[in-house]
Amino acid sequence: GDPDPVLRCIVSGFFANAAKFHSTGAYRTIRDDHELHIHPTSVLYAEKPPRWVVYNEVIQTTKYYMRDVTAVESAWLLELAPHFYQQGT
């Protein structure tokens, strides 16, 4: 019933592929500040955008689109990948 353990496992594997929703309506990668969008075929595309996501891959068409996107908690990034992230990033 509780999805958090599964989501935390996804974060531990895809921590380098994290993005935060930006005021422009797009996502920005945490480490390199690249602009990304949720792919139109994603179930999250028509939903209220989650603040933080991790993704499996990026494809380029007219924009850079994230595929296999999962909403996550930002605290999990610091907890599960402290070697990659620092507080404030």
Protein backbone atom coordinates (compact mmCIF):
# COMPACT_ATOMS: atom_id res chain seq x y z
CA GLY A 1 0.00 0.00 0.00
CA ASP A 2 2.83 2.47 0.71
CA PRO A 3 4.61 3.48 -2.53
CA ASP A 4 7.45 5.33 -0.75
CA PRO A 5 9.86 2.35 -0.52
CA VAL A 6 9.55 1.75 -4.26
CA LEU A 7 9.91 5.46 -5.06
CA ARG A 8 12.98 5.68 -2.83
CA CYS A 9 14.52 2.74 -4.75
CA ILE A 10 13.88 4.59 -8.02
CA VAL A 11 15.56 7.71 -6.60
CA SER A 12 18.56 5.69 -5.43
CA GLY A 13 19.07 4.45 -9.00
CA PHE A 14 18.18 7.59 -10.95
CA PHE A 15 19.37 10.33 -8.57
CA ALA A 16 21.52 11.88 -11.30
CA ASN A 17 18.40 12.35 -13.45
CA ALA A 18 16.53 14.74 -11.19
CA ALA A 19 14.71 17.88 -12.23
CA LYS A 20 12.74 20.61 -10.46
CA PHE A 21 9.68 22.40 -11.82
CA HIS A 22 10.54 25.98 -12.74
CA SER A 23 8.33 29.07 -12.85
CA THR A 24 8.67 29.08 -16.66
CA GLY A 25 6.49 25.97 -16.83
CA ALA A 26 9.38 23.67 -17.69
CA TYR A 27 11.67 21.55 -15.57
CA ARG A 28 15.34 22.32 -14.94
CA THR A 29 17.94 19.66 -14.20
CA ILE A 30 19.52 20.05 -10.80
CA ARG A 31 23.17 19.69 -11.69
CA ASP A 32 23.38 21.34 -15.13
CA ASP A 33 20.25 23.54 -15.26
CA HIS A 34 19.08 22.15 -18.62
CA GLU A 35 15.46 22.77 -19.61
CA LEU A 36 13.30 19.66 -19.89
CA HIS A 37 9.62 18.91 -20.44
CA ILE A 38 7.45 15.93 -19.57
CA HIS A 39 6.80 13.88 -22.70
CA PRO A 40 3.20 14.22 -24.00
CA THR A 41 2.66 10.44 -23.75
CA SER A 42 3.40 10.46 -20.01
CA VAL A 43 0.53 10.07 -17.55
CA LEU A 44 1.99 13.08 -15.71
CA TYR A 45 1.72 15.30 -18.80
CA ALA A 46 -1.92 16.32 -18.22
CA GLU A 47 -1.62 16.41 -14.42
CA LYS A 48 -0.57 19.23 -12.13
CA PRO A 49 3.22 19.20 -12.50
CA PRO A 50 5.01 17.64 -9.55
CA ARG A 51 7.66 19.89 -8.03
CA TRP A 52 10.44 17.28 -8.21
CA VAL A 53 10.88 14.37 -10.62
CA VAL A 54 13.41 11.78 -11.69
CA TYR A 55 13.42 10.35 -15.19
CA ASN A 56 14.92 7.47 -17.12
CA GLU A 57 15.79 9.09 -20.44
CA VAL A 58 15.67 12.31 -22.43
CA ILE A 59 14.64 12.43 -26.07
CA GLN A 60 15.00 15.42 -28.36
CA THR A 61 12.39 16.45 -30.88
CA THR A 62 11.27 20.07 -30.93
CA LYS A 63 12.18 20.17 -27.20
CA TYR A 64 14.03 17.97 -24.74
CA TYR A 65 11.48 15.57 -23.25
CA MET A 66 11.81 13.35 -20.19
CA ARG A 67 10.50 9.80 -20.48
CA ASP A 68 9.62 7.40 -17.66
CA VAL A 69 9.06 10.24 -15.18
CA THR A 70 8.37 9.71 -11.48
CA ALA A 71 7.38 12.32 -8.90
CA VAL A 72 9.70 12.28 -5.87
CA GLU A 73 10.51 14.15 -2.67
CA SER A 74 13.51 16.47 -2.78
CA ALA A 75 14.68 15.27 0.63
CA TRP A 76 15.20 11.80 -0.82
CA LEU A 77 17.84 13.16 -3.19
CA LEU A 78 19.91 14.49 -0.28
CA GLU A 79 19.32 11.40 1.81
CA LEU A 80 19.99 8.76 -0.85
CA ALA A 81 22.72 10.53 -2.85
CA PRO A 82 24.61 12.85 -0.49
CA HIS A 83 27.76 12.20 -2.53
CA PHE A 84 26.06 13.76 -5.56
CA TYR A 85 23.95 16.53 -4.04
CA GLN A 86 24.63 19.13 -1.42
CA GLN A 87 22.13 21.09 0.65
CA GLY A 88 21.06 24.17 -1.34
CA THR A 89 21.44 22.67 -4.82
